[in-house]
Amino acid sequence: MLNHQKNKNLREIVEKPFSLAKFVAKKDMMYETIEGHVDCDLINLKPFSDERGTLCFAEGGMDIPFEIKRIFWIYGVPAEAERGGHAHWKCSEAIFPVSGAFDIYVDDGTYHHVFSLSSPNCGIVVKAGVWCVLRNFKPGTVCVVAASMEYDKNGYISDYQTYLKQVRCKL
């Protein structure tokens, strides 16, 4: 009986249609791009482990493909909350889940892709001009971000429709 219930639950999950509705900037509109390749690079850092624990590091200009100008971290994200929901025109970011896990939706105005990050030595570089939303944070998640530029509130675009218009004009 237990296996039957497990199989039923798994079937419900597998058969449940995937929806981008959970990645919307505004609750009443879907993103307008199709699933495909977005120019973001995954980073796999080499952890060093011994009886004292594990050490993992990244160096700007080597592991991270830019000089690091700013580092910030995100934690204590409530259930169902999202972070990001914007693009930077000039700033690139390397994003790592140093503890816990989350999904990151990236969108270049033509294509989008969802990455699930759950290992502290695996991150993603979101290049300048790419829209991103972080969501589905597991309890206790800590996300660290290395940025290529210092904070500039004018460097953000936070309205998805405006982003699409501007990025599509550049194509």
Protein backbone atom coordinates (compact mmCIF):
# COMPACT_ATOMS: atom_id res chain seq x y z
CA MET A 1 0.00 0.00 0.00
CA LEU A 2 2.84 2.38 0.83
CA ASN A 3 4.52 1.83 -2.56
CA HIS A 4 1.19 2.37 -4.31
CA GLN A 5 0.79 5.74 -2.54
CA LYS A 6 4.40 6.70 -3.37
CA ASN A 7 3.87 5.84 -7.05
CA LYS A 8 0.60 7.77 -7.11
CA ASN A 9 2.32 10.86 -5.62
CA LEU A 10 5.23 10.56 -8.04
CA ARG A 11 2.83 10.20 -10.98
CA GLU A 12 0.99 13.34 -9.87
CA ILE A 13 4.25 15.28 -9.75
CA VAL A 14 5.45 14.01 -13.13
CA GLU A 15 2.10 14.47 -14.84
CA LYS A 16 1.54 17.93 -13.37
CA PRO A 17 2.06 20.43 -16.22
CA PHE A 18 5.03 22.80 -15.80
CA SER A 19 4.04 26.42 -15.65
CA LEU A 20 6.13 29.55 -15.85
CA ALA A 21 3.44 31.33 -13.85
CA LYS A 22 5.58 30.98 -10.72
CA PHE A 23 8.29 33.08 -12.38
CA VAL A 24 6.15 36.10 -13.16
CA ALA A 25 7.17 39.61 -12.29
CA LYS A 26 3.53 40.59 -12.07
CA LYS A 27 1.11 37.91 -10.97
CA ASP A 28 -1.20 38.33 -13.97
CA MET A 29 1.24 37.92 -16.85
CA MET A 30 3.48 35.13 -18.09
CA TYR A 31 6.99 35.66 -19.30
CA GLU A 32 6.96 35.97 -23.06
CA THR A 33 10.06 34.03 -24.02
CA ILE A 34 10.58 30.38 -24.93
CA GLU A 35 12.68 27.75 -23.18
CA GLY A 36 16.18 27.72 -24.62
CA HIS A 37 19.83 28.65 -24.22
CA VAL A 38 20.56 31.81 -22.25
CA ASP A 39 24.17 33.01 -22.22
CA CYS A 40 24.93 32.29 -18.57
CA ASP A 41 27.91 30.24 -17.41
CA LEU A 42 27.78 27.59 -14.72
CA ILE A 43 30.79 27.61 -12.38
CA ASN A 44 32.02 24.44 -10.70
CA LEU A 45 34.57 25.20 -8.01
CA LYS A 46 36.88 22.56 -6.59
CA PRO A 47 36.23 21.91 -2.89
CA PHE A 48 39.12 20.84 -0.66
CA SER A 49 38.11 18.43 2.12
CA ASP A 50 39.94 16.85 5.04
CA GLU A 51 39.14 15.87 8.62
CA ARG A 52 38.67 19.56 9.52
CA GLY A 53 35.90 20.09 6.97
CA THR A 54 35.66 21.52 3.47
CA LEU A 55 37.08 24.70 1.99
CA CYS A 56 35.86 26.16 -1.27
CA PHE A 57 36.97 29.45 -2.82
CA ALA A 58 36.67 31.52 -5.96
CA GLU A 59 39.03 34.14 -7.33
CA GLY A 60 37.90 37.11 -9.39
CA GLY A 61 39.35 37.12 -12.90
CA MET A 62 40.00 33.37 -12.67
CA ASP A 63 37.11 31.26 -11.36
CA ILE A 64 34.75 34.21 -11.65
CA PRO A 65 35.21 35.85 -15.08
CA PHE A 66 35.38 39.43 -13.83
CA GLU A 67 37.00 41.59 -11.19
CA ILE A 68 34.80 41.50 -8.08
CA LYS A 69 33.68 44.97 -6.97
CA ARG A 70 30.96 44.02 -4.49
CA ILE A 71 29.82 40.99 -2.50
CA PHE A 72 26.44 40.57 -0.84
CA TRP A 73 24.43 37.70 0.56
CA ILE A 74 20.77 36.86 0.80
CA TYR A 75 19.29 34.86 3.66
CA GLY A 76 16.13 34.49 5.72
CA VAL A 77 13.98 34.53 2.58
CA PRO A 78 10.36 33.75 3.54
CA ALA A 79 8.49 30.91 1.86
CA GLU A 80 7.06 31.94 -1.53
CA ALA A 81 9.22 35.09 -1.65
CA GLU A 82 11.31 35.98 -4.68
CA ARG A 83 14.57 37.87 -4.97
CA GLY A 84 15.95 39.55 -8.06
CA GLY A 85 13.18 40.26 -10.53
CA HIS A 86 15.42 42.60 -12.49
CA ALA A 87 18.30 42.87 -14.93
CA HIS A 88 21.49 44.94 -14.84
CA TRP A 89 22.62 46.62 -18.02
CA LYS A 90 26.32 46.78 -17.07
CA CYS A 91 26.82 44.55 -14.04
CA SER A 92 27.42 40.78 -14.14
CA GLU A 93 26.91 38.59 -11.06
CA ALA A 94 28.20 35.21 -9.90
CA ILE A 95 25.59 33.57 -7.64
CA PHE A 96 26.21 30.63 -5.29
CA PRO A 97 24.04 28.77 -2.77
CA VAL A 98 26.57 28.52 0.07
CA SER A 99 23.90 26.75 2.11
CA GLY A 100 20.52 25.35 1.05
CA ALA A 101 19.03 25.58 -2.42
CA PHE A 102 16.99 27.76 -4.78
CA ASP A 103 15.95 28.03 -8.42
CA ILE A 104 17.13 30.82 -10.68
CA TYR A 105 15.13 31.84 -13.75
CA VAL A 106 17.23 33.61 -16.39
CA ASP A 107 15.81 35.32 -19.46
CA ASP A 108 17.59 37.18 -22.27
CA GLY A 109 14.47 38.58 -23.94
CA THR A 110 14.32 35.74 -26.47
CA TYR A 111 14.94 32.60 -24.41
CA HIS A 112 14.66 31.59 -20.76
CA HIS A 113 15.99 28.75 -18.65
CA VAL A 114 15.59 27.62 -15.03
CA PHE A 115 18.59 26.34 -13.07
CA SER A 116 18.31 24.66 -9.68
CA LEU A 117 21.30 25.47 -7.50
CA SER A 118 21.94 23.33 -4.42
CA SER A 119 25.70 22.82 -4.03
CA PRO A 120 27.96 25.43 -2.43
CA ASN A 121 30.68 24.79 -5.02
CA CYS A 122 28.35 25.24 -8.03
CA GLY A 123 27.15 28.66 -9.08
CA ILE A 124 26.06 30.62 -12.11
CA VAL A 125 27.31 33.78 -13.81
CA VAL A 126 24.39 35.97 -14.83
CA LYS A 127 25.83 38.30 -17.43
CA ALA A 128 24.88 41.94 -17.84
CA GLY A 129 21.61 42.34 -19.73
CA VAL A 130 20.04 39.09 -18.48
CA TRP A 131 16.83 39.18 -16.42
CA CYS A 132 16.84 36.91 -13.36
CA VAL A 133 14.50 35.81 -10.59
CA LEU A 134 15.56 33.69 -7.61
CA ARG A 135 12.81 31.67 -5.95
CA ASN A 136 11.89 28.40 -4.27
CA PHE A 137 14.36 29.04 -1.46
CA LYS A 138 14.68 26.09 0.90
CA PRO A 139 14.58 26.99 4.63
CA GLY A 140 17.99 28.11 5.88
CA THR A 141 19.33 28.98 2.44
CA VAL A 142 22.18 31.46 2.20
CA CYS A 143 23.00 32.81 -1.25
CA VAL A 144 26.20 34.77 -1.88
CA VAL A 145 26.60 37.06 -4.89
CA ALA A 146 29.80 38.53 -6.33
CA ALA A 147 29.15 41.53 -8.57
CA SER A 148 31.31 43.13 -11.25
CA MET A 149 30.23 46.65 -10.27
CA GLU A 150 29.53 48.64 -7.16
CA TYR A 151 25.87 49.24 -6.30
CA ASP A 152 24.13 51.68 -8.63
CA LYS A 153 20.34 51.99 -8.31
CA ASN A 154 20.20 53.43 -11.85
CA GLY A 155 21.83 50.29 -13.28
CA TYR A 156 18.75 48.13 -12.62
CA ILE A 157 15.70 47.57 -14.76
CA SER A 158 12.89 46.16 -12.63
CA ASP A 159 9.92 46.13 -15.00
CA TYR A 160 9.83 43.03 -17.19
CA GLN A 161 7.80 44.58 -20.04
CA THR A 162 10.15 47.56 -20.21
CA TYR A 163 13.09 45.15 -20.15
CA LEU A 164 11.66 43.21 -23.10
CA LYS A 165 11.11 46.38 -25.14
CA GLN A 166 14.62 47.64 -24.46
CA VAL A 167 16.43 44.34 -24.99
CA ARG A 168 14.53 43.61 -28.20
CA CYS A 169 15.43 47.03 -29.59
CA LYS A 170 19.10 46.04 -29.21
CA LEU A 171 18.68 42.85 -31.30
